Protein backbone atom coordinates (compact mmCIF):
# COMPACT_ATOMS: atom_id res chain seq x y z
CA MET A 1 116.95 106.14 51.71
CA ASN A 2 114.11 105.49 54.17
CA THR A 3 115.29 105.53 57.82
CA ASP A 4 111.94 104.70 59.35
CA PRO A 5 112.05 100.98 60.30
CA LEU A 6 108.24 100.79 60.46
CA LYS A 7 107.77 102.07 56.95
CA GLN A 8 108.90 99.65 54.26
CA THR A 9 109.59 100.71 50.75
CA THR A 10 109.02 97.28 49.24
CA ALA A 11 106.05 95.10 49.97
CA PRO A 12 106.95 91.88 51.75
CA SER A 13 106.30 88.75 49.78
CA PRO A 14 103.60 86.52 51.28
CA VAL A 15 105.24 83.40 52.72
CA HIS A 16 103.23 80.45 53.88
CA VAL A 17 104.60 78.53 56.84
CA GLU A 18 103.37 75.26 55.36
CA ASP A 19 105.44 75.92 52.21
CA GLN A 20 108.67 76.32 54.21
CA VAL A 21 108.11 73.56 56.75
CA GLY A 22 107.10 70.06 55.74
CA VAL A 23 105.28 67.45 57.76
CA GLY A 24 108.56 66.25 59.25
CA GLY A 25 109.41 69.75 60.38
CA LEU A 26 105.98 70.13 61.95
CA LEU A 27 106.39 66.83 63.79
CA ARG A 28 109.84 67.89 65.06
CA GLN A 29 108.39 71.19 66.23
CA LEU A 30 105.54 69.34 67.92
CA MET A 31 107.96 66.97 69.66
CA ARG A 32 109.92 69.99 70.97
CA GLU A 33 106.87 71.93 72.12
CA VAL A 34 104.78 69.17 73.75
CA PRO A 35 107.20 68.52 76.68
CA GLU A 36 107.50 72.27 77.22
CA LEU A 37 103.72 72.58 77.20
CA PHE A 38 103.30 69.83 79.78
CA THR A 39 106.03 71.38 81.95
CA LYS A 40 104.21 74.69 81.87
CA GLU A 41 100.87 72.98 82.61
CA LEU A 42 102.41 71.25 85.63
CA ALA A 43 103.86 74.55 86.84
CA LEU A 44 100.41 76.11 86.47
CA ALA A 45 98.82 73.26 88.42
CA LYS A 46 101.41 73.64 91.19
CA ALA A 47 100.85 77.39 91.40
CA GLU A 48 97.08 76.96 91.43
CA LEU A 49 97.21 74.33 94.17
CA GLN A 50 99.58 76.52 96.22
CA HIS A 51 97.17 79.43 95.86
CA ASN A 52 94.23 77.22 96.92
CA LEU A 53 96.17 75.98 99.96
CA ASN A 54 97.13 79.52 100.99
CA THR A 55 93.50 80.59 100.67
CA LEU A 56 92.43 77.61 102.75
CA LYS A 57 95.02 78.41 105.45
CA ALA A 58 93.96 82.04 105.67
CA GLY A 59 90.29 81.08 105.81
CA THR A 60 90.92 78.50 108.51
CA ALA A 61 92.83 80.99 110.67
CA ALA A 62 90.06 83.59 110.31
CA VAL A 63 87.38 81.04 111.16
CA ALA A 64 89.32 79.86 114.22
CA ALA A 65 89.84 83.39 115.56
CA GLY A 66 86.22 84.30 114.98
CA ALA A 67 85.05 81.07 116.58
CA ILE A 68 86.99 81.79 119.79
CA VAL A 69 85.40 85.22 120.20
CA LEU A 70 82.00 83.91 119.22
CA LEU A 71 82.28 81.07 121.71
CA ALA A 72 82.99 83.44 124.59
CA GLY A 73 79.94 85.57 123.77
CA PHE A 74 77.78 82.52 123.18
CA ILE A 75 78.64 81.05 126.58
CA ILE A 76 77.56 84.27 128.26
CA LEU A 77 74.28 84.26 126.31
CA LEU A 78 73.63 80.63 127.23
CA LEU A 79 74.26 81.42 130.87
CA ALA A 80 71.77 84.28 130.65
CA ALA A 81 69.23 81.93 129.05
CA VAL A 82 69.70 79.42 131.89
CA TYR A 83 69.20 82.17 134.50
CA ALA A 84 66.06 83.42 132.73
CA LEU A 85 64.59 79.93 132.38
CA ALA A 86 65.45 79.17 136.01
CA MET A 87 62.83 81.73 137.04
CA VAL A 88 60.17 79.47 135.50
CA VAL A 89 61.49 75.93 136.18
CA GLU A 90 64.08 74.35 138.46
CA PRO A 91 67.66 75.54 137.75
CA TRP A 92 68.92 72.03 136.85
CA LEU A 93 66.07 71.61 134.35
CA ALA A 94 66.76 75.05 132.88
CA ALA A 95 70.44 74.15 132.36
CA LEU A 96 69.45 70.80 130.84
CA LEU A 97 66.98 72.36 128.38
CA VAL A 98 69.36 75.09 127.27
CA GLY A 99 72.22 72.60 126.92
CA ALA A 100 70.15 70.12 124.88
CA ILE A 101 68.88 72.80 122.51
CA THR A 102 72.42 74.13 122.10
CA VAL A 103 73.80 70.67 121.29
CA ILE A 104 71.13 70.10 118.63
CA ILE A 105 71.75 73.47 116.99
CA GLY A 106 75.52 72.90 117.10
CA PHE A 107 75.18 69.48 115.48
CA VAL A 108 73.14 70.90 112.60
CA MET A 109 75.67 73.70 112.09
CA LEU A 110 78.57 71.23 112.17
CA GLN A 111 76.97 69.06 109.49
CA SER A 112 76.40 72.02 107.19
CA GLY A 113 79.96 73.30 107.79
CA LYS A 114 81.53 69.97 106.84
CA LYS A 115 80.30 70.49 103.29
CA GLN A 116 82.74 73.39 102.90
CA PHE A 117 85.71 71.04 103.19
CA ASP A 118 84.65 68.96 100.18
CA PRO A 119 87.76 67.98 98.16
CA ALA A 120 86.05 69.14 94.96
CA HIS A 121 86.60 72.75 96.09
CA LEU A 122 90.38 72.20 96.12
CA ALA A 123 90.77 70.78 92.60
CA PRO A 124 92.79 72.89 90.12
CA ASP A 125 89.85 73.44 87.76
CA ARG A 126 91.55 75.86 85.36
CA THR A 127 94.57 73.62 84.91
CA LEU A 128 92.46 70.54 84.31
CA HIS A 129 90.41 72.46 81.75
CA ALA A 130 93.55 73.75 79.99
CA MET A 131 95.07 70.25 79.88
CA GLN A 132 91.83 68.86 78.41
CA GLN A 133 91.94 71.54 75.72
CA ASP A 134 95.59 70.72 74.99
CA LYS A 135 94.73 67.04 74.68
CA GLU A 136 91.91 67.80 72.25
CA THR A 137 94.16 70.11 70.22
CA LEU A 138 96.86 67.44 69.96
CA LYS A 139 94.29 64.87 68.84
CA ARG A 140 93.14 67.19 66.07
CA LYS A 141 96.70 68.06 64.94
CA LEU A 142 98.15 64.54 64.88
CA PRO A 143 97.24 62.32 61.93
């Protein structure tokens, strides 16, 4: 007697799934599995959106902290620029020039930064792709 479960003494007979299960059985199986598939797809979408939101929160906090430190250093540099320019022109004109240039640069930076908050970056791309594949698979399988 062979005690090794991995080693079979008789060859298994080839069984085709289509021979055992008819069209009705396949449709019943499909009706059972489709709701489960959509439930899993929705769970994946929820997890992906939660991950995207957590990433967005962490990025926002890091940007805010860095911006505070950067702002302090930038104010000191602007003050130094006003003092340096005041040696050449009147102090009020130096402050006006440095302030105007700073506002223009800040506006350009703000416009380019707004592009990072585009809603397209927050879409659950993998889930949408998987659901599209599922839809195409179902279309091919159903008569």
